[in-house]
């Protein structure tokens, strides 16, 4: 169903043509039956007041970093999302819509962006000291596995290639790091494997070689049968296998797990996701998670609340704005089209510290920005999971 553009007061973009739907989050009920999902389509009037709920800034937060560092020694339990969610088909381009017209009931809810300033603001030093934009350091194979440097954010772009005989079902995704003056640096490519019982994406540092036997194979993303839970691996050897191989001294690490909440009622709306990643040591190294049996995997540890040396993240809930009567997320100009796939990942202890954000800017073009403690491979795999169809949610 086509989305509609509303050019009323404040230059708002309508993110959905829904009239009434109720959705609850893990902490609050953030929607009610009489409110619609709308979004900004113009500069966001920034208000640096601490009470401004729409100000989502990229900041160096000492409390957040200390919590991440303490995870490796203390462990902890974090609340999981209780709200239901589901996946949706790609959103269509936004059409012009008269503010006086009534809106028909839609099939889905979508999160709309605001076109605020693209500079990521450091809140502690106000807007005068923005974070630096990250660049590739060393060889690609090493860089994509290293946690992001502190005080830096990495601005990337994902291009989806659906050309060819079978790429409609098995598109290839290319990740580039954006640089000044339109320049870009290739980082990773990913594609879903054919003839696999579950969704299985191979990720490579060579865009022309997307095979597991290739020298550039760097990791993979694998889902469960329903497509609601995903695990990210590097290219090591699984210790859970009985056979012995020469590369057994390079044990496979689990780099992340992504869980999408299902909804048995079939409601379509902005999805709720939980991201589990290994904790960080005091010297900013990632804790190695190399399971020897199923109980040691990230997903099983999350299910049993054994969160020692792990970090739990959630997607940020859109904020209700009384002035615009809409739910919005501020992507700082990095996202331009409303989509159910748009999201920001945060930690519950500081929802203003945006660890990662992902959103649509064109039919087959998406932006993906990330920062400490994620690495490139983790962020790219999380984004790939967002593309995958969730059978239990449709």
Protein backbone atom coordinates (compact mmCIF):
# COMPACT_ATOMS: atom_id res chain seq x y z
CA UNK A 1 0.00 0.00 0.00
CA UNK A 2 1.41 3.35 -0.98
CA UNK A 3 2.51 5.72 1.73
CA UNK A 4 1.26 9.27 1.62
CA UNK A 5 3.20 12.53 2.03
CA UNK A 6 1.70 15.24 4.13
CA UNK A 7 3.03 18.74 3.60
CA UNK A 8 1.17 20.42 6.40
CA UNK A 9 2.43 22.44 9.31
CA UNK A 10 6.10 22.00 10.00
CA UNK A 11 6.66 20.15 6.73
CA UNK A 12 5.85 16.72 8.12
CA UNK A 13 6.25 13.45 6.26
CA UNK A 14 3.58 10.93 7.09
CA UNK A 15 5.33 7.72 8.02
CA UNK A 16 2.16 5.65 7.89
CA UNK A 17 -1.41 5.86 6.79
CA UNK A 18 -2.61 4.00 9.85
CA UNK A 19 -5.57 5.33 11.76
CA UNK A 20 -5.49 3.36 14.95
CA UNK A 21 -3.21 0.67 16.32
CA UNK A 22 -1.91 -0.08 19.75
CA UNK A 23 1.62 -1.20 20.44
CA UNK A 24 3.37 -1.55 23.77
CA UNK A 25 7.08 -1.51 24.42
CA UNK A 26 9.07 -3.23 27.14
CA UNK A 27 8.87 -0.23 29.39
CA UNK A 28 5.91 1.94 28.33
CA UNK A 29 2.89 1.97 26.04
CA UNK A 30 4.19 4.27 23.36
CA UNK A 31 1.18 4.25 21.06
CA UNK A 32 -2.55 4.65 21.52
CA UNK A 33 -5.50 3.89 19.25
CA UNK A 34 -6.13 7.52 18.34
CA UNK A 35 -2.66 8.57 17.23
CA UNK A 36 -0.94 8.18 13.90
CA UNK A 37 2.69 7.51 13.03
CA UNK A 38 4.12 10.62 11.43
CA UNK A 39 7.59 12.00 10.92
CA UNK A 40 9.52 15.16 10.11
CA UNK A 41 10.24 16.21 6.52
CA UNK A 42 12.43 19.21 7.14
CA UNK A 43 15.07 20.61 9.46
CA UNK A 44 14.55 19.60 13.04
CA UNK A 45 14.52 22.65 15.35
CA UNK A 46 17.07 21.37 17.83
CA UNK A 47 16.43 22.16 21.44
CA UNK A 48 19.34 21.36 23.72
CA UNK A 49 17.11 21.32 26.75
CA UNK A 50 17.48 18.16 28.84
CA UNK A 51 13.69 17.77 28.68
CA UNK A 52 13.60 17.66 24.88
CA UNK A 53 12.58 14.08 24.04
CA UNK A 54 13.35 14.52 20.34
CA UNK A 55 17.04 15.28 20.75
CA UNK A 56 18.93 12.08 19.93
CA UNK A 57 22.63 12.86 19.99
CA UNK A 58 25.77 10.88 19.34
CA UNK A 59 27.81 11.47 22.45
CA UNK A 60 30.76 10.10 24.26
CA UNK A 61 29.03 8.87 27.37
CA UNK A 62 31.36 7.89 30.17
CA UNK A 63 28.66 6.01 32.05
CA UNK A 64 27.85 3.92 28.98
CA UNK A 65 31.52 3.12 28.32
CA UNK A 66 32.17 2.20 31.92
CA UNK A 67 29.18 -0.15 31.90
CA UNK A 68 30.49 -1.80 28.74
CA UNK A 69 33.93 -2.23 30.29
CA UNK A 70 32.50 -3.61 33.52
CA UNK A 71 30.48 -6.28 31.74
CA UNK A 72 33.58 -8.43 31.21
CA UNK A 73 34.16 -8.74 34.96
CA UNK A 74 30.80 -8.28 36.61
CA UNK A 75 28.25 -9.58 34.16
CA UNK A 76 24.69 -8.44 34.44
CA UNK A 77 21.07 -9.00 33.67
CA UNK A 78 19.11 -6.70 31.43
CA UNK A 79 15.46 -6.69 30.64
CA UNK A 80 14.42 -8.17 27.33
CA UNK A 81 11.80 -6.58 25.16
CA UNK A 82 8.30 -7.70 25.99
CA UNK A 83 6.52 -5.91 23.19
CA UNK A 84 5.53 -7.74 20.07
CA UNK A 85 6.74 -6.81 16.63
CA UNK A 86 6.85 -8.05 13.12
CA UNK A 87 8.51 -7.58 9.77
CA UNK A 88 7.08 -5.85 6.77
CA UNK A 89 7.67 -5.61 3.06
CA UNK A 90 9.77 -2.74 1.73
CA UNK A 91 8.04 0.60 2.01
CA UNK A 92 7.03 2.41 -1.16
CA UNK A 93 8.11 5.96 -2.07
CA UNK A 94 6.25 8.69 -0.19
CA UNK A 95 3.53 10.42 -2.19
CA UNK A 96 2.17 13.93 -1.75
CA UNK A 97 -0.94 13.92 0.44
CA UNK A 98 -3.24 16.79 1.22
CA UNK A 99 -3.48 17.51 4.96
CA UNK A 100 -7.25 17.84 4.66
CA UNK A 101 -7.73 14.33 3.29
CA UNK A 102 -8.55 11.41 5.51
CA UNK A 103 -6.21 8.43 5.58
CA UNK A 104 -7.32 4.85 4.89
CA UNK A 105 -6.26 2.04 7.22
CA UNK A 106 -2.82 0.72 6.26
CA UNK A 107 -1.26 -2.74 6.46
CA UNK A 108 1.78 -1.58 8.40
CA UNK A 109 3.41 1.07 10.53
CA UNK A 110 6.68 2.65 9.47
CA UNK A 111 9.23 4.75 11.32
CA UNK A 112 9.77 8.11 9.65
CA UNK A 113 13.03 10.05 9.75
CA UNK A 114 13.61 13.68 10.56
CA UNK A 115 15.91 15.64 8.28
CA UNK A 116 17.95 17.24 11.04
CA UNK A 117 21.57 18.22 10.80
CA UNK A 118 23.81 15.41 9.58
CA UNK A 119 26.56 16.24 12.05
CA UNK A 120 26.65 13.86 14.99
CA UNK A 121 26.76 16.01 18.09
CA UNK A 122 28.93 15.49 21.14
CA UNK A 123 26.61 16.49 23.96
CA UNK A 124 29.31 16.93 26.61
CA UNK A 125 31.04 19.64 24.59
CA UNK A 126 27.84 20.95 23.03
CA UNK A 127 27.86 21.14 19.22
CA UNK A 128 31.32 22.72 19.00
CA UNK A 129 33.15 19.41 19.25
CA UNK A 130 31.55 16.77 17.02
CA UNK A 131 32.88 13.25 16.92
CA UNK A 132 35.39 12.41 14.21
CA UNK A 133 34.40 10.32 11.23
CA UNK A 134 36.15 6.97 11.28
CA UNK A 135 38.38 5.71 8.49
CA UNK A 136 39.87 2.34 7.53
CA UNK A 137 42.99 1.53 9.53
CA UNK A 138 45.27 -1.30 8.38
CA UNK A 139 44.09 -4.05 6.05
CA UNK A 140 40.39 -4.64 5.50
CA UNK A 141 40.39 -8.16 6.98
CA UNK A 142 41.71 -6.84 10.28
CA UNK A 143 39.71 -3.61 10.30
CA UNK A 144 36.24 -5.15 9.87
CA UNK A 145 36.73 -7.36 12.96
CA UNK A 146 38.08 -4.69 15.30
CA UNK A 147 35.74 -2.76 17.64
CA UNK A 148 35.19 0.83 16.56
CA UNK A 149 37.50 3.44 18.01
CA UNK A 150 36.05 5.59 20.75
CA UNK A 151 35.18 9.19 19.92
CA UNK A 152 34.54 8.15 16.30
CA UNK A 153 31.51 7.20 14.27
CA UNK A 154 31.60 5.28 11.02
CA UNK A 155 29.22 6.33 8.26
CA UNK A 156 28.50 3.55 5.78
CA UNK A 157 26.19 2.82 2.88
CA UNK A 158 24.63 -0.49 1.84
CA UNK A 159 23.68 -1.04 -1.80
CA UNK A 160 21.39 -3.90 -2.76
CA UNK A 161 21.91 -5.51 -6.18
CA UNK A 162 18.82 -7.38 -7.36
CA UNK A 163 19.80 -7.68 -11.03
CA UNK A 164 20.24 -11.01 -12.76
CA UNK A 165 18.31 -14.26 -13.01
CA UNK A 166 18.14 -15.13 -9.31
CA UNK A 167 19.06 -11.94 -7.53
CA UNK A 168 15.44 -11.08 -6.97
CA UNK A 169 15.43 -13.90 -4.40
CA UNK A 170 19.12 -13.80 -3.57
CA UNK A 171 20.33 -10.20 -3.87
CA UNK A 172 23.89 -9.19 -3.11
CA UNK A 173 24.55 -6.47 -0.53
CA UNK A 174 27.63 -4.25 -0.76
CA UNK A 175 28.89 -2.21 2.20
CA UNK A 176 31.01 0.90 1.64
CA UNK A 177 32.50 3.39 4.08
CA UNK A 178 31.50 6.90 3.06
CA UNK A 179 34.20 9.53 2.75
CA UNK A 180 34.32 13.21 1.84
CA UNK A 181 33.32 14.49 -1.60
CA UNK A 182 31.30 11.41 -2.48
CA UNK A 183 34.21 9.01 -2.18
CA UNK A 184 33.66 5.56 -0.72
CA UNK A 185 35.75 2.57 0.36
CA UNK A 186 34.52 -0.98 -0.15
CA UNK A 187 34.37 -3.00 3.07
CA UNK A 188 32.15 -6.08 2.81
CA UNK A 189 29.73 -7.96 0.59
CA UNK A 190 27.04 -10.42 1.65
CA UNK A 191 24.63 -12.79 -0.05
CA UNK A 192 22.15 -15.43 1.09
CA UNK A 193 23.21 -18.98 0.33
CA UNK A 194 21.03 -21.07 -1.96
CA UNK A 195 19.66 -24.49 -1.02
CA UNK A 196 19.84 -23.77 2.70
CA UNK A 197 17.09 -24.82 5.12
CA UNK A 198 17.53 -21.58 7.06
CA UNK A 199 18.62 -18.10 6.05
CA UNK A 200 22.38 -18.19 5.78
CA UNK A 201 24.35 -15.17 4.57
CA UNK A 202 28.01 -15.48 3.59
CA UNK A 203 30.06 -12.33 4.14
CA UNK A 204 33.30 -11.62 2.28
CA UNK A 205 35.88 -8.87 1.87
CA UNK A 206 35.96 -9.64 -1.88
CA UNK A 207 32.82 -8.56 -3.79
CA UNK A 208 33.58 -11.07 -6.56
CA UNK A 209 34.03 -14.11 -4.31
CA UNK A 210 31.10 -14.92 -2.05
CA UNK A 211 31.90 -18.56 -1.35
CA UNK A 212 32.74 -20.12 1.98
CA UNK A 213 35.83 -21.75 0.48
CA UNK A 214 37.14 -18.41 -0.76
CA UNK A 215 40.16 -16.77 0.84
CA UNK A 216 38.16 -13.61 1.51
CA UNK A 217 35.39 -15.34 3.49
CA UNK A 218 35.22 -13.37 6.76
CA UNK A 219 32.04 -14.56 8.49
CA UNK A 220 28.38 -15.45 8.19
CA UNK A 221 24.90 -14.73 9.50
CA UNK A 222 22.61 -17.67 10.20
CA UNK A 223 18.97 -17.69 11.31
CA UNK A 224 16.70 -20.18 13.01
CA UNK A 225 13.98 -21.98 11.06
CA UNK A 226 11.40 -19.22 11.62
CA UNK A 227 13.79 -16.43 10.72
CA UNK A 228 13.30 -14.62 14.04
CA UNK A 229 16.68 -15.29 15.68
CA UNK A 230 20.08 -14.78 14.09
CA UNK A 231 23.68 -15.50 15.06
CA UNK A 232 26.76 -13.79 13.63
CA UNK A 233 29.98 -15.84 13.32
CA UNK A 234 33.52 -15.10 12.21
CA UNK A 235 35.38 -17.46 9.84
CA UNK A 236 36.84 -19.74 12.51
CA UNK A 237 36.29 -23.47 13.04
CA UNK A 238 33.33 -24.56 15.17
CA UNK A 239 34.36 -26.29 18.39
CA UNK A 240 30.92 -27.91 18.49
CA UNK A 241 31.88 -30.24 15.64
CA UNK A 242 33.34 -33.65 16.47
CA UNK A 243 35.68 -33.98 13.52
CA UNK A 244 39.25 -32.68 13.72
CA UNK A 245 40.66 -30.26 11.20
CA UNK A 246 43.85 -28.31 10.69
CA UNK A 247 42.11 -25.03 11.53
CA UNK A 248 40.84 -26.24 14.91
CA UNK A 249 43.35 -23.85 16.48
CA UNK A 250 41.30 -20.99 15.02
CA UNK A 251 38.09 -21.50 17.01
CA UNK A 252 34.96 -19.85 15.67
CA UNK A 253 33.67 -16.90 17.65
CA UNK A 254 30.06 -15.81 18.00
CA UNK A 255 30.10 -12.06 17.42
CA UNK A 256 26.42 -11.21 17.90
CA UNK A 257 22.90 -12.54 18.22
CA UNK A 258 19.77 -10.73 17.00
CA UNK A 259 16.29 -11.58 18.26
CA UNK A 260 13.11 -10.22 16.65
CA UNK A 261 9.99 -10.40 18.79
CA UNK A 262 7.17 -12.30 17.11
CA UNK A 263 3.47 -11.47 17.21
CA UNK A 264 1.01 -14.34 17.03
CA UNK A 265 -1.77 -11.87 16.17
CA UNK A 266 -0.03 -10.98 12.92
CA UNK A 267 0.14 -7.23 13.64
CA UNK A 268 2.56 -5.37 11.40
CA UNK A 269 4.48 -2.44 12.82
CA UNK A 270 7.89 -1.13 13.79
CA UNK A 271 9.77 -4.22 14.85
CA UNK A 272 11.26 -4.83 18.27
CA UNK A 273 14.72 -6.29 18.30
CA UNK A 274 17.26 -7.37 20.91
CA UNK A 275 20.97 -7.50 20.10
CA UNK A 276 23.42 -9.51 22.21
CA UNK A 277 27.16 -8.90 21.75
CA UNK A 278 30.27 -10.01 23.68
CA UNK A 279 31.46 -7.67 26.41
CA UNK A 280 34.64 -5.59 26.31
CA UNK A 281 37.81 -5.98 28.38
CA UNK A 282 39.51 -3.11 30.19
CA UNK A 283 41.82 -2.59 27.19
CA UNK A 284 38.86 -2.31 24.78
CA UNK A 285 39.21 -5.83 23.36
CA UNK A 286 36.19 -7.98 22.63
CA UNK A 287 35.60 -10.95 24.93
CA UNK A 288 35.93 -14.14 22.90
CA UNK A 289 32.79 -16.28 22.85
CA UNK A 290 33.70 -19.72 21.43
CA UNK A 291 30.90 -22.15 22.38
CA UNK A 292 31.75 -25.82 22.86
CA UNK A 293 28.12 -26.83 23.24
CA UNK A 294 24.68 -25.34 22.73
CA UNK A 295 24.40 -24.02 26.29
CA UNK A 296 27.36 -21.68 25.69
CA UNK A 297 25.91 -19.96 22.62
CA UNK A 298 24.78 -16.34 22.80
CA UNK A 299 21.14 -17.21 22.17
CA UNK A 300 21.00 -19.90 24.87
CA UNK A 301 22.77 -17.68 27.39
CA UNK A 302 20.29 -14.90 26.66
CA UNK A 303 17.36 -17.29 27.10
CA UNK A 304 18.71 -18.56 30.44
CA UNK A 305 19.72 -15.04 31.61
CA UNK A 306 23.37 -16.05 31.87
CA UNK A 307 24.62 -12.65 30.73
CA UNK A 308 28.13 -12.65 32.22
CA UNK A 309 30.55 -10.93 29.81
CA UNK A 310 27.69 -10.04 27.48
CA UNK A 311 26.04 -6.75 26.49
CA UNK A 312 22.34 -6.47 25.67
CA UNK A 313 21.09 -3.76 23.32
CA UNK A 314 17.61 -2.88 22.03
CA UNK A 315 16.21 -0.86 19.19
CA UNK A 316 15.15 2.62 20.25
CA UNK A 317 11.43 3.22 20.62
CA UNK A 318 10.09 6.14 18.52
CA UNK A 319 9.24 9.17 20.66
CA UNK A 320 5.83 10.80 20.74
CA UNK A 321 5.94 14.50 19.86
CA UNK A 322 2.96 16.53 21.09
CA UNK A 323 3.62 19.41 18.69
CA UNK A 324 3.54 17.24 15.58
CA UNK A 325 1.21 14.56 16.99
CA UNK A 326 3.56 11.91 15.64
CA UNK A 327 6.12 9.27 16.53
CA UNK A 328 9.60 10.15 15.30
CA UNK A 329 13.23 9.07 15.38
CA UNK A 330 15.97 11.57 14.61
CA UNK A 331 18.45 10.02 12.18
CA UNK A 332 20.32 13.33 11.78
CA UNK A 333 19.58 13.51 8.06
CA UNK A 334 21.05 10.07 7.34
CA UNK A 335 17.68 8.44 6.57
CA UNK A 336 15.20 9.98 4.13
CA UNK A 337 12.44 7.41 3.59
CA UNK A 338 9.99 5.97 6.09
CA UNK A 339 10.27 2.20 6.49
CA UNK A 340 9.52 -0.47 9.06
CA UNK A 341 13.16 -1.48 8.65
CA UNK A 342 14.52 1.83 9.98
CA UNK A 343 15.98 1.44 13.45
CA UNK A 344 18.47 2.70 16.02
CA UNK A 345 20.22 0.41 18.50
CA UNK A 346 20.87 1.67 22.04
CA UNK A 347 21.66 0.42 25.54
CA UNK A 348 18.93 0.68 28.17
CA UNK A 349 21.24 2.59 30.50
CA UNK A 350 21.59 5.48 28.02
CA UNK A 351 19.17 5.66 25.12
CA UNK A 352 20.90 8.80 23.81
CA UNK A 353 24.07 6.83 23.02
CA UNK A 354 23.16 5.46 19.58
CA UNK A 355 25.41 2.45 19.00
CA UNK A 356 24.07 1.83 15.49
CA UNK A 357 21.46 3.20 13.14
CA UNK A 358 20.12 1.87 9.85
CA UNK A 359 17.60 3.24 7.39
CA UNK A 360 16.44 3.59 3.83
CA UNK A 361 17.39 6.46 1.50
CA UNK A 362 16.39 4.98 -1.89
CA UNK A 363 14.81 1.87 -3.41
CA UNK A 364 17.98 -0.20 -3.01
CA UNK A 365 20.21 2.10 -0.96
CA UNK A 366 20.47 2.23 2.83
CA UNK A 367 22.71 4.01 5.31
CA UNK A 368 24.34 2.16 8.19
CA UNK A 369 26.24 4.06 10.88
CA UNK A 370 27.89 2.48 13.89
CA UNK A 371 30.26 3.24 16.76
CA UNK A 372 31.97 1.65 19.76
CA UNK A 373 31.65 -1.15 20.83
CA UNK A 374 30.49 -2.63 17.49
CA UNK A 375 32.82 -3.67 14.69
CA UNK A 376 32.04 -3.44 10.97
CA UNK A 377 31.16 -7.12 10.60
CA UNK A 378 28.77 -7.03 13.56
CA UNK A 379 26.95 -3.94 12.28
CA UNK A 380 26.71 -5.25 8.69
CA UNK A 381 25.33 -8.61 9.84
CA UNK A 382 22.74 -6.90 12.06
CA UNK A 383 21.64 -4.87 9.04
CA UNK A 384 21.43 -8.02 6.89
CA UNK A 385 19.13 -9.60 9.47
CA UNK A 386 16.77 -6.66 9.00
CA UNK A 387 16.44 -7.45 5.30
CA UNK A 388 15.52 -11.06 5.92
CA UNK A 389 11.86 -12.10 5.91
CA UNK A 390 10.40 -13.06 9.29
CA UNK A 391 7.91 -15.85 8.57
CA UNK A 392 6.47 -15.78 12.08
CA UNK A 393 5.68 -12.07 11.79
CA UNK A 394 3.95 -11.88 8.44
